[in-house]
Each structure stands twice: as C-alpha cells, then as structure tokens.
Amino acid sequence: TINWDFWLHDELTFWYIPAIMMLYLFAPFYMELIRRHPSYRW
C-alpha cells in the first residue's frame, strides 16, 4: 500500500514512489506559501 519498509528500514527496491508521494503531500502548502509570499522561494 505505501511501501512502508522504505520509511522504516530504508528498503530501496521502489523507493522513488513513496518519496514522490510524500513530497506531493506537502507540495500544495509550499506552492500556496510562495504564491502569497514569493520570498519563501529561498
């Protein structure tokens, strides 16, 4: 379901998938932050 052994034990078989999905989870908040306050692009 979530390739949780990557997060628990650094099991790297398909590591890109849990990594990119985790980044997708936080991306909207970052994008809205820099849209309202561009200086946070740093």
All heavy atoms as atom14 arrays in JSON, in Angstrom:
{
  "sequence": "TINWDFWLHDELTFWYIPAIMMLYLFAPFYMELIRRHPSYRW",
  "atom14_mask": [
    [1, 1, 1, 1, 1, 1, 1, 0, 0, 0, 0, 0, 0, 0],
    [1, 1, 1, 1, 1, 1, 1, 1, 0, 0, 0, 0, 0, 0],
    [1, 1, 1, 1, 1, 1, 1, 1, 0, 0, 0, 0, 0, 0],
    [1, 1, 1, 1, 1, 1, 1, 1, 1, 1, 1, 1, 1, 1],
    [1, 1, 1, 1, 1, 1, 1, 1, 0, 0, 0, 0, 0, 0],
    [1, 1, 1, 1, 1, 1, 1, 1, 1, 1, 1, 0, 0, 0],
    [1, 1, 1, 1, 1, 1, 1, 1, 1, 1, 1, 1, 1, 1],
    [1, 1, 1, 1, 1, 1, 1, 1, 0, 0, 0, 0, 0, 0],
    [1, 1, 1, 1, 1, 1, 1, 1, 1, 1, 0, 0, 0, 0],
    [1, 1, 1, 1, 1, 1, 1, 1, 0, 0, 0, 0, 0, 0],
    [1, 1, 1, 1, 1, 1, 1, 1, 1, 0, 0, 0, 0, 0],
    [1, 1, 1, 1, 1, 1, 1, 1, 0, 0, 0, 0, 0, 0],
    [1, 1, 1, 1, 1, 1, 1, 0, 0, 0, 0, 0, 0, 0],
    [1, 1, 1, 1, 1, 1, 1, 1, 1, 1, 1, 0, 0, 0],
    [1, 1, 1, 1, 1, 1, 1, 1, 1, 1, 1, 1, 1, 1],
    [1, 1, 1, 1, 1, 1, 1, 1, 1, 1, 1, 1, 0, 0],
    [1, 1, 1, 1, 1, 1, 1, 1, 0, 0, 0, 0, 0, 0],
    [1, 1, 1, 1, 1, 1, 1, 0, 0, 0, 0, 0, 0, 0],
    [1, 1, 1, 1, 1, 0, 0, 0, 0, 0, 0, 0, 0, 0],
    [1, 1, 1, 1, 1, 1, 1, 1, 0, 0, 0, 0, 0, 0],
    [1, 1, 1, 1, 1, 1, 1, 1, 0, 0, 0, 0, 0, 0],
    [1, 1, 1, 1, 1, 1, 1, 1, 0, 0, 0, 0, 0, 0],
    [1, 1, 1, 1, 1, 1, 1, 1, 0, 0, 0, 0, 0, 0],
    [1, 1, 1, 1, 1, 1, 1, 1, 1, 1, 1, 1, 0, 0],
    [1, 1, 1, 1, 1, 1, 1, 1, 0, 0, 0, 0, 0, 0],
    [1, 1, 1, 1, 1, 1, 1, 1, 1, 1, 1, 0, 0, 0],
    [1, 1, 1, 1, 1, 0, 0, 0, 0, 0, 0, 0, 0, 0],
    [1, 1, 1, 1, 1, 1, 1, 0, 0, 0, 0, 0, 0, 0],
    [1, 1, 1, 1, 1, 1, 1, 1, 1, 1, 1, 0, 0, 0],
    [1, 1, 1, 1, 1, 1, 1, 1, 1, 1, 1, 1, 0, 0],
    [1, 1, 1, 1, 1, 1, 1, 1, 0, 0, 0, 0, 0, 0],
    [1, 1, 1, 1, 1, 1, 1, 1, 1, 0, 0, 0, 0, 0],
    [1, 1, 1, 1, 1, 1, 1, 1, 0, 0, 0, 0, 0, 0],
    [1, 1, 1, 1, 1, 1, 1, 1, 0, 0, 0, 0, 0, 0],
    [1, 1, 1, 1, 1, 1, 1, 1, 1, 1, 1, 0, 0, 0],
    [1, 1, 1, 1, 1, 1, 1, 1, 1, 1, 1, 0, 0, 0],
    [1, 1, 1, 1, 1, 1, 1, 1, 1, 1, 0, 0, 0, 0],
    [1, 1, 1, 1, 1, 1, 1, 0, 0, 0, 0, 0, 0, 0],
    [1, 1, 1, 1, 1, 1, 0, 0, 0, 0, 0, 0, 0, 0],
    [1, 1, 1, 1, 1, 1, 1, 1, 1, 1, 1, 1, 0, 0],
    [1, 1, 1, 1, 1, 1, 1, 1, 1, 1, 1, 0, 0, 0],
    [1, 1, 1, 1, 1, 1, 1, 1, 1, 1, 1, 1, 1, 1]
  ],
  "atom14_positions": [
    [[0.81, -1.23, 0.0], [0.0, 0.0, 0.0], [0.84, 1.27, 0.0], [0.6, 2.17, -0.81], [-0.94, 0.01, 1.22], [-0.18, -0.24, 2.42], [-2.02, -1.04, 1.07], [0.0, 0.0, 0.0], [0.0, 0.0, 0.0], [0.0, 0.0, 0.0], [0.0, 0.0, 0.0], [0.0, 0.0, 0.0], [0.0, 0.0, 0.0], [0.0, 0.0, 0.0]],
    [[1.83, 1.35, 0.89], [2.62, 2.6, 0.99], [4.12, 2.35, 0.98], [4.89, 3.28, 1.24], [2.23, 3.39, 2.26], [2.46, 2.55, 3.52], [0.78, 3.88, 2.17], [2.28, 3.31, 4.81], [0.0, 0.0, 0.0], [0.0, 0.0, 0.0], [0.0, 0.0, 0.0], [0.0, 0.0, 0.0], [0.0, 0.0, 0.0], [0.0, 0.0, 0.0]],
    [[4.53, 1.12, 0.67], [5.97, 0.79, 0.68], [6.61, 1.25, 1.99], [7.65, 1.89, 2.0], [6.67, 1.45, -0.52], [7.98, 0.75, -0.86], [8.39, -0.2, -0.22], [8.64, 1.25, -1.88], [0.0, 0.0, 0.0], [0.0, 0.0, 0.0], [0.0, 0.0, 0.0], [0.0, 0.0, 0.0], [0.0, 0.0, 0.0], [0.0, 0.0, 0.0]],
    [[5.99, 0.86, 3.12], [6.41, 1.43, 4.39], [7.79, 0.96, 4.84], [8.41, 1.59, 5.7], [5.36, 1.2, 5.46], [5.2, -0.2, 5.99], [5.82, -1.33, 5.56], [4.34, -0.59, 7.06], [5.4, -2.42, 6.29], [4.48, -2.0, 7.22], [3.45, 0.08, 7.88], [3.79, -2.72, 8.18], [2.75, -0.64, 8.85], [2.93, -2.03, 8.98]],
    [[8.3, -0.12, 4.3], [9.64, -0.54, 4.68], [10.71, 0.44, 4.22], [11.82, 0.44, 4.76], [9.95, -1.94, 4.14], [9.48, -3.04, 5.08], [9.28, -2.73, 6.27], [9.29, -4.18, 4.65], [0.0, 0.0, 0.0], [0.0, 0.0, 0.0], [0.0, 0.0, 0.0], [0.0, 0.0, 0.0], [0.0, 0.0, 0.0], [0.0, 0.0, 0.0]],
    [[10.38, 1.27, 3.23], [11.32, 2.34, 2.87], [11.47, 3.3, 4.03], [12.59, 3.67, 4.41], [10.84, 3.09, 1.63], [11.62, 4.35, 1.37], [12.95, 4.3, 1.0], [11.02, 5.61, 1.55], [13.68, 5.47, 0.77], [11.75, 6.77, 1.33], [13.07, 6.71, 0.94], [0.0, 0.0, 0.0], [0.0, 0.0, 0.0], [0.0, 0.0, 0.0]],
    [[10.35, 3.72, 4.61], [10.4, 4.68, 5.7], [10.95, 4.05, 6.98], [11.65, 4.72, 7.76], [9.0, 5.24, 5.97], [8.4, 5.91, 4.77], [7.36, 5.47, 4.02], [8.86, 7.12, 4.15], [7.12, 6.33, 2.97], [8.02, 7.35, 3.04], [9.87, 8.04, 4.44], [8.18, 8.47, 2.21], [10.02, 9.14, 3.62], [9.19, 9.35, 2.52]],
    [[10.66, 2.77, 7.19], [11.09, 2.12, 8.43], [12.53, 1.62, 8.38], [13.27, 1.74, 9.36], [10.16, 0.93, 8.74], [8.7, 1.27, 9.04], [7.9, 0.0, 9.21], [8.59, 2.16, 10.27], [0.0, 0.0, 0.0], [0.0, 0.0, 0.0], [0.0, 0.0, 0.0], [0.0, 0.0, 0.0], [0.0, 0.0, 0.0], [0.0, 0.0, 0.0]],
    [[12.92, 1.06, 7.21], [14.21, 0.37, 7.14], [15.06, 0.78, 5.94], [16.06, 0.12, 5.65], [14.0, -1.15, 7.09], [13.06, -1.67, 8.13], [13.29, -1.53, 9.49], [11.86, -2.31, 8.02], [12.28, -2.08, 10.17], [11.41, -2.54, 9.3], [0.0, 0.0, 0.0], [0.0, 0.0, 0.0], [0.0, 0.0, 0.0], [0.0, 0.0, 0.0]],
    [[14.66, 1.81, 5.21], [15.41, 2.23, 4.03], [15.49, 1.12, 2.98], [16.53, 0.87, 2.39], [16.81, 2.7, 4.41], [17.51, 3.45, 3.27], [16.81, 4.08, 2.45], [18.74, 3.38, 3.19], [0.0, 0.0, 0.0], [0.0, 0.0, 0.0], [0.0, 0.0, 0.0], [0.0, 0.0, 0.0], [0.0, 0.0, 0.0], [0.0, 0.0, 0.0]],
    [[14.37, 0.42, 2.78], [14.3, -0.63, 1.75], [14.11, 0.07, 0.41], [13.11, 0.73, 0.16], [13.13, -1.56, 2.07], [13.26, -2.93, 1.41], [12.7, -2.91, 0.0], [11.49, -2.78, -0.16], [13.52, -3.02, -0.93], [0.0, 0.0, 0.0], [0.0, 0.0, 0.0], [0.0, 0.0, 0.0], [0.0, 0.0, 0.0], [0.0, 0.0, 0.0]],
    [[15.1, -0.06, -0.49], [15.21, 0.82, -1.65], [14.64, 0.25, -2.95], [14.83, 0.86, -4.0], [16.69, 1.17, -1.89], [17.37, 1.94, -0.76], [18.85, 2.17, -1.09], [16.68, 3.28, -0.5], [0.0, 0.0, 0.0], [0.0, 0.0, 0.0], [0.0, 0.0, 0.0], [0.0, 0.0, 0.0], [0.0, 0.0, 0.0], [0.0, 0.0, 0.0]],
    [[13.93, -0.87, -2.9], [13.51, -1.52, -4.14], [12.75, -0.57, -5.06], [13.06, -0.46, -6.25], [12.63, -2.74, -3.81], [13.33, -3.58, -2.91], [12.32, -3.52, -5.09], [0.0, 0.0, 0.0], [0.0, 0.0, 0.0], [0.0, 0.0, 0.0], [0.0, 0.0, 0.0], [0.0, 0.0, 0.0], [0.0, 0.0, 0.0], [0.0, 0.0, 0.0]],
    [[11.74, 0.12, -4.54], [10.97, 1.08, -5.35], [10.9, 2.42, -4.63], [9.86, 3.07, -4.59], [9.54, 0.56, -5.59], [9.47, -0.75, -6.32], [9.12, -1.92, -5.66], [9.75, -0.83, -7.68], [9.02, -3.13, -6.34], [9.67, -2.03, -8.37], [9.3, -3.19, -7.7], [0.0, 0.0, 0.0], [0.0, 0.0, 0.0], [0.0, 0.0, 0.0]],
    [[12.0, 2.88, -4.07], [11.98, 3.99, -3.13], [11.43, 5.28, -3.72], [10.87, 6.13, -2.99], [13.39, 4.25, -2.58], [14.3, 4.94, -3.55], [15.11, 4.34, -4.46], [14.48, 6.34, -3.7], [15.8, 5.29, -5.18], [15.43, 6.53, -4.73], [13.94, 7.47, -3.07], [15.84, 7.79, -5.15], [14.34, 8.73, -3.49], [15.28, 8.88, -4.52]],
    [[11.55, 5.48, -5.01], [11.11, 6.74, -5.62], [9.61, 6.96, -5.41], [9.17, 8.11, -5.25], [11.43, 6.73, -7.12], [10.93, 7.94, -7.87], [11.66, 9.12, -7.88], [9.73, 7.91, -8.57], [11.21, 10.23, -8.56], [9.27, 9.02, -9.25], [10.01, 10.18, -9.25], [9.54, 11.29, -9.92], [0.0, 0.0, 0.0], [0.0, 0.0, 0.0]],
    [[8.82, 5.89, -5.4], [7.36, 6.02, -5.3], [6.93, 6.58, -3.95], [6.21, 7.6, -3.91], [6.67, 4.67, -5.59], [7.07, 4.17, -6.99], [5.16, 4.8, -5.45], [6.73, 5.12, -8.12], [0.0, 0.0, 0.0], [0.0, 0.0, 0.0], [0.0, 0.0, 0.0], [0.0, 0.0, 0.0], [0.0, 0.0, 0.0], [0.0, 0.0, 0.0]],
    [[7.32, 5.99, -2.81], [6.93, 6.62, -1.54], [7.52, 8.01, -1.38], [6.89, 8.88, -0.77], [7.47, 5.65, -0.48], [8.53, 4.86, -1.17], [8.07, 4.74, -2.59], [0.0, 0.0, 0.0], [0.0, 0.0, 0.0], [0.0, 0.0, 0.0], [0.0, 0.0, 0.0], [0.0, 0.0, 0.0], [0.0, 0.0, 0.0], [0.0, 0.0, 0.0]],
    [[8.72, 8.23, -1.92], [9.36, 9.54, -1.79], [8.56, 10.62, -2.53], [8.26, 11.68, -1.96], [10.79, 9.48, -2.33], [0.0, 0.0, 0.0], [0.0, 0.0, 0.0], [0.0, 0.0, 0.0], [0.0, 0.0, 0.0], [0.0, 0.0, 0.0], [0.0, 0.0, 0.0], [0.0, 0.0, 0.0], [0.0, 0.0, 0.0], [0.0, 0.0, 0.0]],
    [[8.2, 10.36, -3.78], [7.49, 11.39, -4.55], [6.09, 11.61, -4.01], [5.58, 12.74, -3.99], [7.47, 11.04, -6.06], [7.09, 12.26, -6.91], [6.54, 9.89, -6.36], [8.07, 13.38, -6.89], [0.0, 0.0, 0.0], [0.0, 0.0, 0.0], [0.0, 0.0, 0.0], [0.0, 0.0, 0.0], [0.0, 0.0, 0.0], [0.0, 0.0, 0.0]],
    [[5.44, 10.54, -3.52], [4.1, 10.72, -2.96], [4.13, 11.51, -1.66], [3.22, 12.29, -1.38], [3.43, 9.35, -2.78], [3.14, 8.66, -4.1], [2.13, 7.16, -3.97], [0.52, 7.89, -3.66], [0.0, 0.0, 0.0], [0.0, 0.0, 0.0], [0.0, 0.0, 0.0], [0.0, 0.0, 0.0], [0.0, 0.0, 0.0], [0.0, 0.0, 0.0]],
    [[5.17, 11.35, -0.88], [5.32, 12.16, 0.33], [5.53, 13.63, -0.04], [4.95, 14.54, 0.57], [6.49, 11.65, 1.16], [6.75, 12.44, 2.44], [5.38, 12.33, 3.62], [5.61, 10.66, 4.24], [0.0, 0.0, 0.0], [0.0, 0.0, 0.0], [0.0, 0.0, 0.0], [0.0, 0.0, 0.0], [0.0, 0.0, 0.0], [0.0, 0.0, 0.0]],
    [[6.33, 13.89, -1.06], [6.56, 15.27, -1.5], [5.29, 15.89, -2.07], [5.03, 17.07, -1.85], [7.69, 15.3, -2.53], [9.08, 14.97, -1.97], [10.09, 14.84, -3.1], [9.54, 16.03, -0.98], [0.0, 0.0, 0.0], [0.0, 0.0, 0.0], [0.0, 0.0, 0.0], [0.0, 0.0, 0.0], [0.0, 0.0, 0.0], [0.0, 0.0, 0.0]],
    [[4.5, 15.09, -2.77], [3.21, 15.58, -3.27], [2.31, 16.01, -2.11], [1.52, 16.95, -2.24], [2.49, 14.49, -4.07], [3.02, 14.27, -5.47], [2.65, 13.14, -6.19], [3.89, 15.18, -6.08], [3.12, 12.92, -7.48], [4.37, 14.97, -7.36], [3.98, 13.84, -8.06], [4.44, 13.63, -9.33], [0.0, 0.0, 0.0], [0.0, 0.0, 0.0]],
    [[2.43, 15.32, -0.99], [1.59, 15.61, 0.16], [1.84, 17.03, 0.68], [0.9, 17.74, 1.07], [1.87, 14.59, 1.26], [0.98, 14.62, 2.5], [-0.47, 14.31, 2.13], [1.48, 13.63, 3.54], [0.0, 0.0, 0.0], [0.0, 0.0, 0.0], [0.0, 0.0, 0.0], [0.0, 0.0, 0.0], [0.0, 0.0, 0.0], [0.0, 0.0, 0.0]],
    [[3.1, 17.46, 0.67], [3.45, 18.77, 1.22], [3.51, 19.87, 0.16], [3.49, 21.06, 0.5], [4.8, 18.69, 1.94], [4.76, 17.89, 3.2], [5.15, 16.57, 3.24], [4.3, 18.48, 4.38], [5.09, 15.83, 4.4], [4.24, 17.75, 5.56], [4.64, 16.42, 5.58], [0.0, 0.0, 0.0], [0.0, 0.0, 0.0], [0.0, 0.0, 0.0]],
    [[3.57, 19.5, -1.11], [3.76, 20.49, -2.18], [2.7, 21.58, -2.21], [3.05, 22.77, -2.39], [3.83, 19.77, -3.53], [0.0, 0.0, 0.0], [0.0, 0.0, 0.0], [0.0, 0.0, 0.0], [0.0, 0.0, 0.0], [0.0, 0.0, 0.0], [0.0, 0.0, 0.0], [0.0, 0.0, 0.0], [0.0, 0.0, 0.0], [0.0, 0.0, 0.0]],
    [[1.39, 21.29, -2.07], [0.4, 22.37, -2.16], [0.61, 23.48, -1.14], [0.4, 24.66, -1.45], [-0.94, 21.65, -1.92], [-0.68, 20.23, -2.28], [0.75, 19.97, -1.89], [0.0, 0.0, 0.0], [0.0, 0.0, 0.0], [0.0, 0.0, 0.0], [0.0, 0.0, 0.0], [0.0, 0.0, 0.0], [0.0, 0.0, 0.0], [0.0, 0.0, 0.0]],
    [[1.02, 23.12, 0.06], [1.21, 24.12, 1.1], [2.42, 25.01, 0.78], [2.39, 26.23, 1.0], [1.37, 23.44, 2.46], [0.22, 22.52, 2.78], [0.35, 21.14, 2.62], [-0.99, 23.03, 3.22], [-0.71, 20.3, 2.9], [-2.06, 22.19, 3.51], [-1.92, 20.82, 3.34], [0.0, 0.0, 0.0], [0.0, 0.0, 0.0], [0.0, 0.0, 0.0]],
    [[3.47, 24.4, 0.23], [4.63, 25.18, -0.18], [4.27, 26.09, -1.36], [4.65, 27.27, -1.38], [5.78, 24.25, -0.56], [7.02, 24.97, -1.03], [7.87, 25.6, -0.12], [7.34, 25.04, -2.38], [9.02, 26.26, -0.55], [8.47, 25.7, -2.82], [9.31, 26.31, -1.9], [10.42, 26.97, -2.33], [0.0, 0.0, 0.0], [0.0, 0.0, 0.0]],
    [[3.53, 25.56, -2.32], [3.18, 26.36, -3.5], [2.29, 27.54, -3.13], [2.46, 28.65, -3.66], [2.5, 25.47, -4.55], [3.44, 24.47, -5.19], [2.74, 23.57, -6.61], [1.53, 22.53, -5.78], [0.0, 0.0, 0.0], [0.0, 0.0, 0.0], [0.0, 0.0, 0.0], [0.0, 0.0, 0.0], [0.0, 0.0, 0.0], [0.0, 0.0, 0.0]],
    [[1.34, 27.32, -2.23], [0.48, 28.42, -1.82], [1.28, 29.44, -1.01], [1.05, 30.66, -1.11], [-0.7, 27.89, -1.01], [-1.82, 28.9, -0.82], [-2.37, 29.45, -2.13], [-2.3, 28.76, -3.17], [-2.87, 30.6, -2.1], [0.0, 0.0, 0.0], [0.0, 0.0, 0.0], [0.0, 0.0, 0.0], [0.0, 0.0, 0.0], [0.0, 0.0, 0.0]],
    [[2.22, 28.98, -0.21], [3.07, 29.89, 0.56], [3.87, 30.81, -0.36], [3.88, 32.03, -0.16], [4.02, 29.08, 1.45], [5.07, 29.88, 2.24], [4.39, 30.79, 3.26], [6.06, 28.94, 2.92], [0.0, 0.0, 0.0], [0.0, 0.0, 0.0], [0.0, 0.0, 0.0], [0.0, 0.0, 0.0], [0.0, 0.0, 0.0], [0.0, 0.0, 0.0]],
    [[4.52, 30.25, -1.38], [5.35, 31.09, -2.24], [4.5, 31.9, -3.22], [4.96, 32.93, -3.73], [6.43, 30.27, -2.99], [5.8, 29.28, -3.97], [7.34, 29.57, -2.0], [6.82, 28.58, -4.84], [0.0, 0.0, 0.0], [0.0, 0.0, 0.0], [0.0, 0.0, 0.0], [0.0, 0.0, 0.0], [0.0, 0.0, 0.0], [0.0, 0.0, 0.0]],
    [[3.29, 31.46, -3.48], [2.42, 32.29, -4.31], [2.03, 33.56, -3.56], [1.97, 34.64, -4.14], [1.16, 31.51, -4.72], [0.2, 32.36, -5.55], [-0.69, 31.57, -6.46], [-1.74, 30.85, -5.76], [-2.76, 30.24, -6.4], [-2.83, 30.28, -7.73], [-3.68, 29.59, -5.7], [0.0, 0.0, 0.0], [0.0, 0.0, 0.0], [0.0, 0.0, 0.0]],
    [[1.79, 33.42, -2.25], [1.4, 34.59, -1.45], [2.61, 35.38, -0.97], [2.54, 36.61, -0.83], [0.58, 34.13, -0.25], [-0.73, 33.46, -0.62], [-1.53, 33.08, 0.62], [-2.75, 32.38, 0.28], [-3.69, 32.06, 1.15], [-3.55, 32.37, 2.44], [-4.77, 31.41, 0.76], [0.0, 0.0, 0.0], [0.0, 0.0, 0.0], [0.0, 0.0, 0.0]],
    [[3.7, 34.67, -0.7], [4.91, 35.32, -0.17], [6.12, 34.81, -0.96], [6.8, 33.87, -0.52], [5.07, 35.01, 1.32], [3.87, 35.32, 2.14], [3.48, 36.61, 2.46], [2.93, 34.49, 2.71], [2.38, 36.58, 3.19], [2.03, 35.31, 3.35], [0.0, 0.0, 0.0], [0.0, 0.0, 0.0], [0.0, 0.0, 0.0], [0.0, 0.0, 0.0]],
    [[6.44, 35.4, -2.11], [7.48, 34.87, -3.0], [8.86, 34.75, -2.37], [9.68, 33.94, -2.81], [7.49, 35.88, -4.16], [6.11, 36.46, -4.16], [5.71, 36.52, -2.72], [0.0, 0.0, 0.0], [0.0, 0.0, 0.0], [0.0, 0.0, 0.0], [0.0, 0.0, 0.0], [0.0, 0.0, 0.0], [0.0, 0.0, 0.0], [0.0, 0.0, 0.0]],
    [[9.13, 35.53, -1.32], [10.46, 35.46, -0.71], [10.75, 34.08, -0.12], [11.91, 33.7, 0.06], [10.6, 36.53, 0.38], [9.61, 36.37, 1.38], [0.0, 0.0, 0.0], [0.0, 0.0, 0.0], [0.0, 0.0, 0.0], [0.0, 0.0, 0.0], [0.0, 0.0, 0.0], [0.0, 0.0, 0.0], [0.0, 0.0, 0.0], [0.0, 0.0, 0.0]],
    [[9.71, 33.3, 0.15], [9.9, 31.96, 0.72], [10.4, 30.95, -0.32], [10.59, 29.78, 0.01], [8.62, 31.47, 1.38], [8.43, 32.04, 2.77], [7.8, 33.27, 2.95], [8.93, 31.39, 3.88], [7.66, 33.81, 4.21], [8.79, 31.91, 5.16], [8.15, 33.14, 5.31], [8.03, 33.68, 6.57], [0.0, 0.0, 0.0], [0.0, 0.0, 0.0]],
    [[10.62, 31.42, -1.55], [11.27, 30.54, -2.53], [12.69, 30.16, -2.12], [13.28, 29.26, -2.7], [11.31, 31.22, -3.91], [9.96, 31.25, -4.61], [10.14, 31.61, -6.08], [8.87, 31.54, -6.79], [8.04, 32.57, -6.97], [8.39, 33.75, -6.48], [6.91, 32.42, -7.61], [0.0, 0.0, 0.0], [0.0, 0.0, 0.0], [0.0, 0.0, 0.0]],
    [[13.22, 30.86, -1.12], [14.56, 30.54, -0.63], [14.55, 29.4, 0.38], [15.62, 28.98, 0.86], [15.18, 31.79, 0.02], [15.57, 32.83, -0.99], [14.86, 33.93, -1.37], [16.77, 32.86, -1.75], [15.54, 34.64, -2.32], [16.72, 34.0, -2.59], [17.89, 32.02, -1.85], [17.74, 34.33, -3.47], [18.9, 32.35, -2.73], [18.82, 33.5, -3.53]]
  ]
}
